[in-house]
């Protein structure tokens, strides 16, 4: 396999703490050790502005065009679903006859804040560009099945496991401690957290408090502190309305902490028959509460988790995907 150059183009954002932008940074770091890929990423110097009225963030078109024109990348890897910036990058690549692939970061329309707008945007704006894409990289069964309707080259590749800091400080796992890591918003299933019985100690790494007693709060913590919280808890809950993957679930399992997640958390498709991963039926509070007593404190198949999501394995999958995309 020859060495080839990839340029990662994230969606236009002013807040770089979002999941898609950090996924792009993770990809950049993943390829540091690659013998076959030399990766760069669109620099922050490419200005981002908001469109009047609709408030959507876009790149400065002239600056983006100049950057793509000057780049010697073999493939431009464009990210973003219901965003205009992805369309900007695709349109420039098409006009300049540059090869590009696409990571949509797709959410089913019914889970979007504006389902109808999202569906219309896809049909009228995104779908016409898919004929020009050299390959689509997905992350779960749902988006893979969806995009296979529109393209022959679809590659399903999960996130890789970034190692959490470990130290020699003894960690005592508290038998009644449940951990949640996420934002205080309805899509994250906050009502399930508030329904957890009071005999459990709930720890939340969150931006705003919830309506529940016997709850401990953290925010803006380090990776070391997060590692300690995973390893001192007996259960991590991910009760989201929808998650395209769930890095929190992956990190928790790698620390030996079982995870209870809703049926709409897509990482579950990778975890079938794996000790430590438990599923509850979304919109069923009693099933959630009952599942807590079943899942808390259970053993986790840590070695299996690490082998499934190790960086070297995921890097190889990207290398193979890019190689096939270059052939198209």
C-alpha atoms as a PDB file:
ATOM      1  CA  UNK A   1       0.000   0.000   0.000  1.00  0.00           C
ATOM      2  CA  UNK A   2       1.432   3.363  -1.058  1.00  0.00           C
ATOM      3  CA  UNK A   3       1.521   6.368   1.247  1.00  0.00           C
ATOM      4  CA  UNK A   4      -1.186   8.913   0.482  1.00  0.00           C
ATOM      5  CA  UNK A   5      -2.200  12.321   1.771  1.00  0.00           C
ATOM      6  CA  UNK A   6      -5.513  13.046   3.457  1.00  0.00           C
ATOM      7  CA  UNK A   7      -6.912  16.467   4.298  1.00  0.00           C
ATOM      8  CA  UNK A   8      -9.612  16.429   6.992  1.00  0.00           C
ATOM      9  CA  UNK A   9     -12.256  19.142   6.632  1.00  0.00           C
ATOM     10  CA  UNK A  10     -14.482  19.446   9.732  1.00  0.00           C
ATOM     11  CA  UNK A  11     -17.799  21.226   9.703  1.00  0.00           C
ATOM     12  CA  UNK A  12     -17.605  24.977  10.283  1.00  0.00           C
ATOM     13  CA  UNK A  13     -17.845  25.735  14.008  1.00  0.00           C
ATOM     14  CA  UNK A  14     -16.921  28.603  16.273  1.00  0.00           C
ATOM     15  CA  UNK A  15     -17.129  26.297  19.313  1.00  0.00           C
ATOM     16  CA  UNK A  16     -14.428  23.653  18.915  1.00  0.00           C
ATOM     17  CA  UNK A  17     -15.696  21.541  21.832  1.00  0.00           C
ATOM     18  CA  UNK A  18     -18.337  19.794  19.734  1.00  0.00           C
ATOM     19  CA  UNK A  19     -18.304  16.084  19.031  1.00  0.00           C
ATOM     20  CA  UNK A  20     -17.740  16.264  15.260  1.00  0.00           C
ATOM     21  CA  UNK A  21     -14.813  18.672  15.530  1.00  0.00           C
ATOM     22  CA  UNK A  22     -13.149  16.563  18.221  1.00  0.00           C
ATOM     23  CA  UNK A  23     -13.709  13.433  16.139  1.00  0.00           C
ATOM     24  CA  UNK A  24     -11.708  15.140  13.369  1.00  0.00           C
ATOM     25  CA  UNK A  25      -8.924  15.933  15.831  1.00  0.00           C
ATOM     26  CA  UNK A  26      -8.964  12.300  16.965  1.00  0.00           C
ATOM     27  CA  UNK A  27      -8.566  11.167  13.346  1.00  0.00           C
ATOM     28  CA  UNK A  28      -5.613  13.501  12.906  1.00  0.00           C
ATOM     29  CA  UNK A  29      -3.971  11.992  15.994  1.00  0.00           C
ATOM     30  CA  UNK A  30      -4.841   8.446  14.872  1.00  0.00           C
ATOM     31  CA  UNK A  31      -2.791   8.868  11.706  1.00  0.00           C
ATOM     32  CA  UNK A  32       0.314  10.125  13.537  1.00  0.00           C
ATOM     33  CA  UNK A  33       1.529   6.517  13.713  1.00  0.00           C
ATOM     34  CA  UNK A  34       0.357   5.477  10.250  1.00  0.00           C
ATOM     35  CA  UNK A  35       2.889   4.180   7.752  1.00  0.00           C
ATOM     36  CA  UNK A  36       0.444   4.770   4.892  1.00  0.00           C
ATOM     37  CA  UNK A  37      -1.360   8.050   5.654  1.00  0.00           C
ATOM     38  CA  UNK A  38      -0.055  11.567   5.967  1.00  0.00           C
ATOM     39  CA  UNK A  39      -2.927  13.592   7.419  1.00  0.00           C
ATOM     40  CA  UNK A  40      -3.542  17.316   7.746  1.00  0.00           C
ATOM     41  CA  UNK A  41      -6.587  19.224   8.926  1.00  0.00           C
ATOM     42  CA  UNK A  42      -8.160  22.453   7.746  1.00  0.00           C
ATOM     43  CA  UNK A  43      -6.534  25.115   9.951  1.00  0.00           C
ATOM     44  CA  UNK A  44      -8.508  27.259  12.376  1.00  0.00           C
ATOM     45  CA  UNK A  45      -7.295  30.300  10.442  1.00  0.00           C
ATOM     46  CA  UNK A  46      -9.951  29.600   7.806  1.00  0.00           C
ATOM     47  CA  UNK A  47     -12.580  31.997   9.123  1.00  0.00           C
ATOM     48  CA  UNK A  48     -16.089  30.926  10.064  1.00  0.00           C
ATOM     49  CA  UNK A  49     -19.111  33.217   9.942  1.00  0.00           C
ATOM     50  CA  UNK A  50     -22.823  32.907  10.651  1.00  0.00           C
ATOM     51  CA  UNK A  51     -25.413  33.374   7.961  1.00  0.00           C
ATOM     52  CA  UNK A  52     -27.989  36.057   8.752  1.00  0.00           C
ATOM     53  CA  UNK A  53     -31.486  34.969   9.837  1.00  0.00           C
ATOM     54  CA  UNK A  54     -30.864  31.177   9.885  1.00  0.00           C
ATOM     55  CA  UNK A  55     -27.688  31.495  11.973  1.00  0.00           C
ATOM     56  CA  UNK A  56     -25.909  28.548  10.311  1.00  0.00           C
ATOM     57  CA  UNK A  57     -22.106  28.581  10.435  1.00  0.00           C
ATOM     58  CA  UNK A  58     -20.210  28.492   7.142  1.00  0.00           C
ATOM     59  CA  UNK A  59     -16.611  28.850   5.989  1.00  0.00           C
ATOM     60  CA  UNK A  60     -15.290  31.892   4.192  1.00  0.00           C
ATOM     61  CA  UNK A  61     -15.748  30.504   0.671  1.00  0.00           C
ATOM     62  CA  UNK A  62     -12.792  32.315  -0.874  1.00  0.00           C
ATOM     63  CA  UNK A  63     -10.398  31.189   1.873  1.00  0.00           C
ATOM     64  CA  UNK A  64     -11.653  27.593   1.716  1.00  0.00           C
ATOM     65  CA  UNK A  65     -11.272  27.529  -2.061  1.00  0.00           C
ATOM     66  CA  UNK A  66      -7.715  28.891  -1.870  1.00  0.00           C
ATOM     67  CA  UNK A  67      -6.783  26.283   0.736  1.00  0.00           C
ATOM     68  CA  UNK A  68      -8.187  23.354  -1.273  1.00  0.00           C
ATOM     69  CA  UNK A  69      -6.560  24.662  -4.460  1.00  0.00           C
ATOM     70  CA  UNK A  70      -3.142  24.869  -2.809  1.00  0.00           C
ATOM     71  CA  UNK A  71      -3.412  21.506  -1.033  1.00  0.00           C
ATOM     72  CA  UNK A  72      -1.611  18.458  -2.430  1.00  0.00           C
ATOM     73  CA  UNK A  73      -4.014  16.053  -0.681  1.00  0.00           C
ATOM     74  CA  UNK A  74      -5.010  12.891  -2.529  1.00  0.00           C
ATOM     75  CA  UNK A  75      -8.364  12.795  -0.699  1.00  0.00           C
ATOM     76  CA  UNK A  76     -10.354  15.455   1.135  1.00  0.00           C
ATOM     77  CA  UNK A  77     -12.301  13.894   4.006  1.00  0.00           C
ATOM     78  CA  UNK A  78     -15.361  16.115   4.546  1.00  0.00           C
ATOM     79  CA  UNK A  79     -17.441  15.964   7.741  1.00  0.00           C
ATOM     80  CA  UNK A  80     -20.931  17.126   8.723  1.00  0.00           C
ATOM     81  CA  UNK A  81     -24.564  16.280   8.011  1.00  0.00           C
ATOM     82  CA  UNK A  82     -27.186  19.047   8.099  1.00  0.00           C
ATOM     83  CA  UNK A  83     -24.516  21.736   7.659  1.00  0.00           C
ATOM     84  CA  UNK A  84     -23.868  24.092   4.755  1.00  0.00           C
ATOM     85  CA  UNK A  85     -20.081  24.000   5.282  1.00  0.00           C
ATOM     86  CA  UNK A  86     -19.901  20.370   4.104  1.00  0.00           C
ATOM     87  CA  UNK A  87     -21.703  21.378   0.920  1.00  0.00           C
ATOM     88  CA  UNK A  88     -19.248  24.268   0.431  1.00  0.00           C
ATOM     89  CA  UNK A  89     -16.296  21.863   0.584  1.00  0.00           C
ATOM     90  CA  UNK A  90     -17.955  19.304  -1.709  1.00  0.00           C
ATOM     91  CA  UNK A  91     -18.845  21.937  -4.307  1.00  0.00           C
ATOM     92  CA  UNK A  92     -15.262  23.247  -4.418  1.00  0.00           C
ATOM     93  CA  UNK A  93     -13.816  19.719  -4.713  1.00  0.00           C
ATOM     94  CA  UNK A  94     -16.209  18.881  -7.548  1.00  0.00           C
ATOM     95  CA  UNK A  95     -15.408  22.076  -9.449  1.00  0.00           C
ATOM     96  CA  UNK A  96     -11.664  21.458  -9.082  1.00  0.00           C
ATOM     97  CA  UNK A  97     -12.013  17.744  -9.868  1.00  0.00           C
ATOM     98  CA  UNK A  98     -10.506  16.780  -6.499  1.00  0.00           C
ATOM     99  CA  UNK A  99     -11.293  13.404  -4.939  1.00  0.00           C
ATOM    100  CA  UNK A 100     -13.251  13.515  -1.672  1.00  0.00           C
ATOM    101  CA  UNK A 101     -15.023  11.221   0.770  1.00  0.00           C
ATOM    102  CA  UNK A 102     -17.744  12.035   3.255  1.00  0.00           C
ATOM    103  CA  UNK A 103     -18.446  11.317   6.929  1.00  0.00           C
ATOM    104  CA  UNK A 104     -22.062  12.424   7.444  1.00  0.00           C
ATOM    105  CA  UNK A 105     -22.343  12.025  11.252  1.00  0.00           C
ATOM    106  CA  UNK A 106     -25.936  11.111  10.467  1.00  0.00           C
ATOM    107  CA  UNK A 107     -28.790  11.178  12.983  1.00  0.00           C
ATOM    108  CA  UNK A 108     -32.162   9.697  11.941  1.00  0.00           C
ATOM    109  CA  UNK A 109     -34.458  12.564  11.019  1.00  0.00           C
ATOM    110  CA  UNK A 110     -36.902  11.840  13.854  1.00  0.00           C
ATOM    111  CA  UNK A 111     -34.139  12.539  16.400  1.00  0.00           C
ATOM    112  CA  UNK A 112     -33.189  15.946  14.986  1.00  0.00           C
ATOM    113  CA  UNK A 113     -34.401  19.140  16.633  1.00  0.00           C
ATOM    114  CA  UNK A 114     -36.145  20.080  13.378  1.00  0.00           C
ATOM    115  CA  UNK A 115     -36.942  16.713  11.702  1.00  0.00           C
ATOM    116  CA  UNK A 116     -38.763  18.141   8.684  1.00  0.00           C
ATOM    117  CA  UNK A 117     -36.057  20.749   8.003  1.00  0.00           C
ATOM    118  CA  UNK A 118     -33.358  18.075   8.279  1.00  0.00           C
ATOM    119  CA  UNK A 119     -35.140  15.750   5.850  1.00  0.00           C
ATOM    120  CA  UNK A 120     -35.755  18.532   3.326  1.00  0.00           C
ATOM    121  CA  UNK A 121     -32.129  19.673   3.578  1.00  0.00           C
ATOM    122  CA  UNK A 122     -30.909  16.148   2.899  1.00  0.00           C
ATOM    123  CA  UNK A 123     -33.223  15.528  -0.050  1.00  0.00           C
ATOM    124  CA  UNK A 124     -32.742  18.891  -1.739  1.00  0.00           C
ATOM    125  CA  UNK A 125     -29.126  19.773  -0.835  1.00  0.00           C
ATOM    126  CA  UNK A 126     -27.037  16.798   0.320  1.00  0.00           C
ATOM    127  CA  UNK A 127     -28.418  13.941  -1.766  1.00  0.00           C
ATOM    128  CA  UNK A 128     -27.505  15.464  -5.181  1.00  0.00           C
ATOM    129  CA  UNK A 129     -23.843  15.641  -4.089  1.00  0.00           C
ATOM    130  CA  UNK A 130     -23.652  11.957  -3.121  1.00  0.00           C
ATOM    131  CA  UNK A 131     -23.240  10.944  -6.767  1.00  0.00           C
ATOM    132  CA  UNK A 132     -19.916  12.801  -6.801  1.00  0.00           C
ATOM    133  CA  UNK A 133     -18.577  11.374  -3.521  1.00  0.00           C
ATOM    134  CA  UNK A 134     -15.864   8.720  -3.900  1.00  0.00           C
ATOM    135  CA  UNK A 135     -16.820   7.001  -0.662  1.00  0.00           C
ATOM    136  CA  UNK A 136     -18.903   7.403   2.498  1.00  0.00           C
ATOM    137  CA  UNK A 137     -17.544   6.533   5.949  1.00  0.00           C
ATOM    138  CA  UNK A 138     -20.194   5.678   8.546  1.00  0.00           C
ATOM    139  CA  UNK A 139     -20.028   4.718  12.214  1.00  0.00           C
ATOM    140  CA  UNK A 140     -22.972   2.433  13.006  1.00  0.00           C
ATOM    141  CA  UNK A 141     -25.557   0.079  11.507  1.00  0.00           C
ATOM    142  CA  UNK A 142     -28.250   2.739  11.139  1.00  0.00           C
ATOM    143  CA  UNK A 143     -26.278   5.257   9.085  1.00  0.00           C
ATOM    144  CA  UNK A 144     -24.606   2.452   7.104  1.00  0.00           C
ATOM    145  CA  UNK A 145     -27.975   1.017   6.078  1.00  0.00           C
ATOM    146  CA  UNK A 146     -29.267   4.488   5.195  1.00  0.00           C
ATOM    147  CA  UNK A 147     -26.358   5.574   2.999  1.00  0.00           C
ATOM    148  CA  UNK A 148     -26.069   2.238   1.195  1.00  0.00           C
ATOM    149  CA  UNK A 149     -29.285   3.278  -0.538  1.00  0.00           C
ATOM    150  CA  UNK A 150     -27.376   6.105  -2.214  1.00  0.00           C
ATOM    151  CA  UNK A 151     -23.796   4.864  -2.713  1.00  0.00           C
ATOM    152  CA  UNK A 152     -21.913   1.663  -3.475  1.00  0.00           C
ATOM    153  CA  UNK A 153     -18.797   2.439  -1.408  1.00  0.00           C
ATOM    154  CA  UNK A 154     -19.848   2.737   2.239  1.00  0.00           C
ATOM    155  CA  UNK A 155     -17.352   1.847   4.985  1.00  0.00           C
ATOM    156  CA  UNK A 156     -18.502   1.330   8.590  1.00  0.00           C
ATOM    157  CA  UNK A 157     -15.697   2.267  11.005  1.00  0.00           C
ATOM    158  CA  UNK A 158     -16.215   2.896  14.757  1.00  0.00           C
ATOM    159  CA  UNK A 159     -14.381   5.323  17.015  1.00  0.00           C
ATOM    160  CA  UNK A 160     -11.129   4.085  18.500  1.00  0.00           C
ATOM    161  CA  UNK A 161     -10.371   3.853  22.200  1.00  0.00           C
ATOM    162  CA  UNK A 162      -8.124   6.614  23.515  1.00  0.00           C
ATOM    163  CA  UNK A 163      -6.332   5.401  26.616  1.00  0.00           C
ATOM    164  CA  UNK A 164      -7.357   7.026  29.870  1.00  0.00           C
ATOM    165  CA  UNK A 165      -4.668   8.020  32.376  1.00  0.00           C
ATOM    166  CA  UNK A 166      -3.916   5.314  34.923  1.00  0.00           C
ATOM    167  CA  UNK A 167      -2.025   5.761  38.174  1.00  0.00           C
ATOM    168  CA  UNK A 168      -1.079   3.737  41.216  1.00  0.00           C
ATOM    169  CA  UNK A 169      -3.623   5.409  43.488  1.00  0.00           C
ATOM    170  CA  UNK A 170      -5.952   2.693  44.860  1.00  0.00           C
ATOM    171  CA  UNK A 171      -9.523   3.184  43.655  1.00  0.00           C
ATOM    172  CA  UNK A 172     -12.353   1.770  45.742  1.00  0.00           C
ATOM    173  CA  UNK A 173     -15.393   1.055  43.613  1.00  0.00           C
ATOM    174  CA  UNK A 174     -18.507   2.230  45.483  1.00  0.00           C
ATOM    175  CA  UNK A 175     -21.227  -0.398  45.207  1.00  0.00           C
ATOM    176  CA  UNK A 176     -24.088   2.146  45.086  1.00  0.00           C
ATOM    177  CA  UNK A 177     -22.474   4.758  42.822  1.00  0.00           C
ATOM    178  CA  UNK A 178     -23.956   5.499  39.393  1.00  0.00           C
ATOM    179  CA  UNK A 179     -22.168   7.850  36.984  1.00  0.00           C
ATOM    180  CA  UNK A 180     -23.524  10.027  34.177  1.00  0.00           C
ATOM    181  CA  UNK A 181     -21.308  12.036  31.817  1.00  0.00           C
ATOM    182  CA  UNK A 182     -22.995  14.464  29.450  1.00  0.00           C
ATOM    183  CA  UNK A 183     -24.943  17.690  28.979  1.00  0.00           C
ATOM    184  CA  UNK A 184     -28.145  18.668  30.771  1.00  0.00           C
ATOM    185  CA  UNK A 185     -30.536  18.521  27.834  1.00  0.00           C
ATOM    186  CA  UNK A 186     -33.624  16.498  27.020  1.00  0.00           C
ATOM    187  CA  UNK A 187     -31.931  14.395  24.316  1.00  0.00           C
ATOM    188  CA  UNK A 188     -29.550  13.009  26.944  1.00  0.00           C
ATOM    189  CA  UNK A 189     -32.419  11.449  28.928  1.00  0.00           C
ATOM    190  CA  UNK A 190     -32.217  13.706  31.986  1.00  0.00           C
ATOM    191  CA  UNK A 191     -35.646  12.533  33.162  1.00  0.00           C
ATOM    192  CA  UNK A 192     -34.180   9.038  33.669  1.00  0.00           C
ATOM    193  CA  UNK A 193     -31.453  10.423  35.914  1.00  0.00           C
ATOM    194  CA  UNK A 194     -34.039  12.255  37.984  1.00  0.00           C
ATOM    195  CA  UNK A 195     -35.970   8.987  38.354  1.00  0.00           C
ATOM    196  CA  UNK A 196     -33.052   6.992  39.805  1.00  0.00           C
ATOM    197  CA  UNK A 197     -34.048   5.813  43.334  1.00  0.00           C
ATOM    198  CA  UNK A 198     -32.511   7.756  46.190  1.00  0.00           C
ATOM    199  CA  UNK A 199     -30.751   4.710  47.636  1.00  0.00           C
ATOM    200  CA  UNK A 200     -28.226   5.092  44.800  1.00  0.00           C
ATOM    201  CA  UNK A 201     -25.552   7.796  44.854  1.00  0.00           C
ATOM    202  CA  UNK A 202     -25.589   9.566  41.499  1.00  0.00           C
ATOM    203  CA  UNK A 203     -22.506  11.389  40.212  1.00  0.00           C
ATOM    204  CA  UNK A 204     -22.999  13.727  37.246  1.00  0.00           C
ATOM    205  CA  UNK A 205     -20.258  15.250  35.118  1.00  0.00           C
ATOM    206  CA  UNK A 206     -22.576  17.843  33.669  1.00  0.00           C
ATOM    207  CA  UNK A 207     -22.974  21.534  32.850  1.00  0.00           C
ATOM    208  CA  UNK A 208     -26.140  22.223  34.912  1.00  0.00           C
ATOM    209  CA  UNK A 209     -27.735  20.511  37.957  1.00  0.00           C
ATOM    210  CA  UNK A 210     -30.726  18.194  37.624  1.00  0.00           C
ATOM    211  CA  UNK A 211     -33.798  17.813  39.835  1.00  0.00           C
ATOM    212  CA  UNK A 212     -32.607  15.101  42.187  1.00  0.00           C
ATOM    213  CA  UNK A 213     -31.271  14.834  45.739  1.00  0.00           C
ATOM    214  CA  UNK A 214     -28.256  12.675  46.680  1.00  0.00           C
ATOM    215  CA  UNK A 215     -26.417  13.828  43.554  1.00  0.00           C
ATOM    216  CA  UNK A 216     -22.775  14.919  43.274  1.00  0.00           C
ATOM    217  CA  UNK A 217     -21.748  17.309  40.480  1.00  0.00           C
ATOM    218  CA  UNK A 218     -18.539  17.845  38.526  1.00  0.00           C
ATOM    219  CA  UNK A 219     -17.735  19.966  35.484  1.00  0.00           C
ATOM    220  CA  UNK A 220     -14.661  20.812  33.422  1.00  0.00           C
ATOM    221  CA  UNK A 221     -12.665  17.950  34.920  1.00  0.00           C
ATOM    222  CA  UNK A 222      -9.380  16.517  33.651  1.00  0.00           C
ATOM    223  CA  UNK A 223      -8.980  13.152  31.950  1.00  0.00           C
ATOM    224  CA  UNK A 224      -7.317  11.891  35.153  1.00  0.00           C
ATOM    225  CA  UNK A 225     -10.327  12.906  37.247  1.00  0.00           C
ATOM    226  CA  UNK A 226     -12.726  11.336  34.756  1.00  0.00           C
ATOM    227  CA  UNK A 227     -10.741   8.102  34.875  1.00  0.00           C
ATOM    228  CA  UNK A 228     -11.063   8.057  38.679  1.00  0.00           C
ATOM    229  CA  UNK A 229     -14.830   8.582  38.462  1.00  0.00           C
ATOM    230  CA  UNK A 230     -15.249   5.715  35.980  1.00  0.00           C
ATOM    231  CA  UNK A 231     -13.230   3.378  38.162  1.00  0.00           C
ATOM    232  CA  UNK A 232     -14.944   4.367  41.426  1.00  0.00           C
ATOM    233  CA  UNK A 233     -18.446   3.834  40.025  1.00  0.00           C
ATOM    234  CA  UNK A 234     -20.340   0.559  39.755  1.00  0.00           C
ATOM    235  CA  UNK A 235     -22.480   1.602  36.800  1.00  0.00           C
ATOM    236  CA  UNK A 236     -22.462   4.231  34.050  1.00  0.00           C
ATOM    237  CA  UNK A 237     -25.802   5.196  32.511  1.00  0.00           C
ATOM    238  CA  UNK A 238     -26.334   6.520  28.964  1.00  0.00           C
ATOM    239  CA  UNK A 239     -30.122   7.024  28.765  1.00  0.00           C
ATOM    240  CA  UNK A 240     -30.022   9.131  25.591  1.00  0.00           C
ATOM    241  CA  UNK A 241     -32.855   9.556  23.133  1.00  0.00           C
ATOM    242  CA  UNK A 242     -30.231   8.853  20.461  1.00  0.00           C
ATOM    243  CA  UNK A 243     -26.435   8.496  20.304  1.00  0.00           C
ATOM    244  CA  UNK A 244     -24.653   7.751  17.024  1.00  0.00           C
ATOM    245  CA  UNK A 245     -21.976   5.937  19.052  1.00  0.00           C
ATOM    246  CA  UNK A 246     -21.240   6.901  22.719  1.00  0.00           C
ATOM    247  CA  UNK A 247     -17.634   7.430  23.603  1.00  0.00           C
ATOM    248  CA  UNK A 248     -18.652   7.613  27.275  1.00  0.00           C
ATOM    249  CA  UNK A 249     -19.885   4.020  27.117  1.00  0.00           C
ATOM    250  CA  UNK A 250     -16.641   2.896  25.482  1.00  0.00           C
ATOM    251  CA  UNK A 251     -14.454   4.641  28.065  1.00  0.00           C
ATOM    252  CA  UNK A 252     -16.491   3.277  30.974  1.00  0.00           C
ATOM    253  CA  UNK A 253     -16.316  -0.305  29.711  1.00  0.00           C
ATOM    254  CA  UNK A 254     -12.565   0.003  29.152  1.00  0.00           C
ATOM    255  CA  UNK A 255     -12.291   0.917  32.853  1.00  0.00           C
ATOM    256  CA  UNK A 256     -14.195  -2.210  33.858  1.00  0.00           C
ATOM    257  CA  UNK A 257     -17.416  -0.356  34.692  1.00  0.00           C
ATOM    258  CA  UNK A 258     -20.671  -1.821  33.332  1.00  0.00           C
ATOM    259  CA  UNK A 259     -22.902   0.416  31.227  1.00  0.00           C
ATOM    260  CA  UNK A 260     -26.676   0.665  31.011  1.00  0.00           C
ATOM    261  CA  UNK A 261     -27.760   2.414  27.807  1.00  0.00           C
ATOM    262  CA  UNK A 262     -30.975   3.012  25.939  1.00  0.00           C
ATOM    263  CA  UNK A 263     -31.781   0.902  22.891  1.00  0.00           C
ATOM    264  CA  UNK A 264     -31.081   4.003  20.770  1.00  0.00           C
ATOM    265  CA  UNK A 265     -27.385   4.175  21.674  1.00  0.00           C
ATOM    266  CA  UNK A 266     -25.699   2.806  18.575  1.00  0.00           C
ATOM    267  CA  UNK A 267     -22.484   1.471  20.130  1.00  0.00           C
ATOM    268  CA  UNK A 268     -24.652  -1.401  21.380  1.00  0.00           C
ATOM    269  CA  UNK A 269     -24.494  -3.027  17.929  1.00  0.00           C
ATOM    270  CA  UNK A 270     -20.765  -3.610  18.492  1.00  0.00           C
ATOM    271  CA  UNK A 271     -21.296  -5.004  22.001  1.00  0.00           C
ATOM    272  CA  UNK A 272     -23.690  -7.912  21.476  1.00  0.00           C
ATOM    273  CA  UNK A 273     -23.049 -10.855  23.813  1.00  0.00           C
ATOM    274  CA  UNK A 274     -20.353  -8.854  25.604  1.00  0.00           C
ATOM    275  CA  UNK A 275     -20.266  -8.917  29.415  1.00  0.00           C
ATOM    276  CA  UNK A 276     -20.918  -5.515  30.967  1.00  0.00           C
ATOM    277  CA  UNK A 277     -23.186  -3.918  28.330  1.00  0.00           C
ATOM    278  CA  UNK A 278     -26.884  -3.663  29.218  1.00  0.00           C
ATOM    279  CA  UNK A 279     -29.815  -2.218  27.240  1.00  0.00           C
ATOM    280  CA  UNK A 280     -33.125  -0.786  28.431  1.00  0.00           C
ATOM    281  CA  UNK A 281     -36.203   0.130  26.415  1.00  0.00           C
ATOM    282  CA  UNK A 282     -36.411   3.863  25.780  1.00  0.00           C
ATOM    283  CA  UNK A 283     -39.635   5.500  27.052  1.00  0.00           C
ATOM    284  CA  UNK A 284     -39.941   2.788  29.709  1.00  0.00           C
ATOM    285  CA  UNK A 285     -38.871   4.164  33.096  1.00  0.00           C
ATOM    286  CA  UNK A 286     -39.693   0.935  34.941  1.00  0.00           C
ATOM    287  CA  UNK A 287     -37.440  -1.047  32.603  1.00  0.00           C
ATOM    288  CA  UNK A 288     -34.658   1.475  33.238  1.00  0.00           C
ATOM    289  CA  UNK A 289     -35.017   1.222  37.034  1.00  0.00           C
ATOM    290  CA  UNK A 290     -35.227  -2.582  36.964  1.00  0.00           C
ATOM    291  CA  UNK A 291     -32.187  -2.783  34.684  1.00  0.00           C
ATOM    292  CA  UNK A 292     -30.098  -0.743  37.138  1.00  0.00           C
ATOM    293  CA  UNK A 293     -30.403  -3.457  39.779  1.00  0.00           C
ATOM    294  CA  UNK A 294     -29.434  -6.094  37.197  1.00  0.00           C
ATOM    295  CA  UNK A 295     -26.457  -4.224  35.690  1.00  0.00           C
ATOM    296  CA  UNK A 296     -24.822  -2.467  38.616  1.00  0.00           C
ATOM    297  CA  UNK A 297     -21.561  -4.029  39.742  1.00  0.00           C
ATOM    298  CA  UNK A 298     -21.455  -6.667  37.002  1.00  0.00           C
ATOM    299  CA  UNK A 299     -18.180  -7.829  35.442  1.00  0.00           C
ATOM    300  CA  UNK A 300     -16.930  -6.379  32.162  1.00  0.00           C
ATOM    301  CA  UNK A 301     -14.963  -8.155  29.449  1.00  0.00           C
ATOM    302  CA  UNK A 302     -12.248  -5.475  29.337  1.00  0.00           C
ATOM    303  CA  UNK A 303      -9.865  -7.357  27.054  1.00  0.00           C
ATOM    304  CA  UNK A 304     -12.592  -7.872  24.466  1.00  0.00           C
ATOM    305  CA  UNK A 305     -13.524  -4.177  24.560  1.00  0.00           C
ATOM    306  CA  UNK A 306      -9.931  -3.085  24.036  1.00  0.00           C
ATOM    307  CA  UNK A 307      -9.394  -5.571  21.196  1.00  0.00           C
ATOM    308  CA  UNK A 308     -12.510  -4.349  19.353  1.00  0.00           C
ATOM    309  CA  UNK A 309     -11.648  -0.650  19.484  1.00  0.00           C
ATOM    310  CA  UNK A 310      -7.867  -0.505  19.655  1.00  0.00           C
ATOM    311  CA  UNK A 311      -6.326   2.379  17.701  1.00  0.00           C
ATOM    312  CA  UNK A 312      -4.189   0.151  15.463  1.00  0.00           C
ATOM    313  CA  UNK A 313      -7.240  -1.857  14.359  1.00  0.00           C
ATOM    314  CA  UNK A 314      -9.305   1.248  13.549  1.00  0.00           C
ATOM    315  CA  UNK A 315      -6.336   2.862  11.777  1.00  0.00           C
ATOM    316  CA  UNK A 316      -6.041  -0.177   9.522  1.00  0.00           C
ATOM    317  CA  UNK A 317      -9.732   0.058   8.645  1.00  0.00           C
ATOM    318  CA  UNK A 318      -9.301   3.700   7.604  1.00  0.00           C
ATOM    319  CA  UNK A 319      -6.209   2.863   5.569  1.00  0.00           C
ATOM    320  CA  UNK A 320      -8.120   0.167   3.679  1.00  0.00           C
ATOM    321  CA  UNK A 321     -11.104   2.480   3.131  1.00  0.00           C
ATOM    322  CA  UNK A 322      -8.965   5.321   1.796  1.00  0.00           C
ATOM    323  CA  UNK A 323      -7.110   2.900  -0.489  1.00  0.00           C
ATOM    324  CA  UNK A 324     -10.392   1.721  -2.023  1.00  0.00           C
ATOM    325  CA  UNK A 325     -11.656   5.304  -2.309  1.00  0.00           C
ATOM    326  CA  UNK A 326      -8.528   6.236  -4.279  1.00  0.00           C
ATOM    327  CA  UNK A 327      -9.275   3.443  -6.724  1.00  0.00           C
ATOM    328  CA  UNK A 328     -12.682   4.907  -7.626  1.00  0.00           C
END
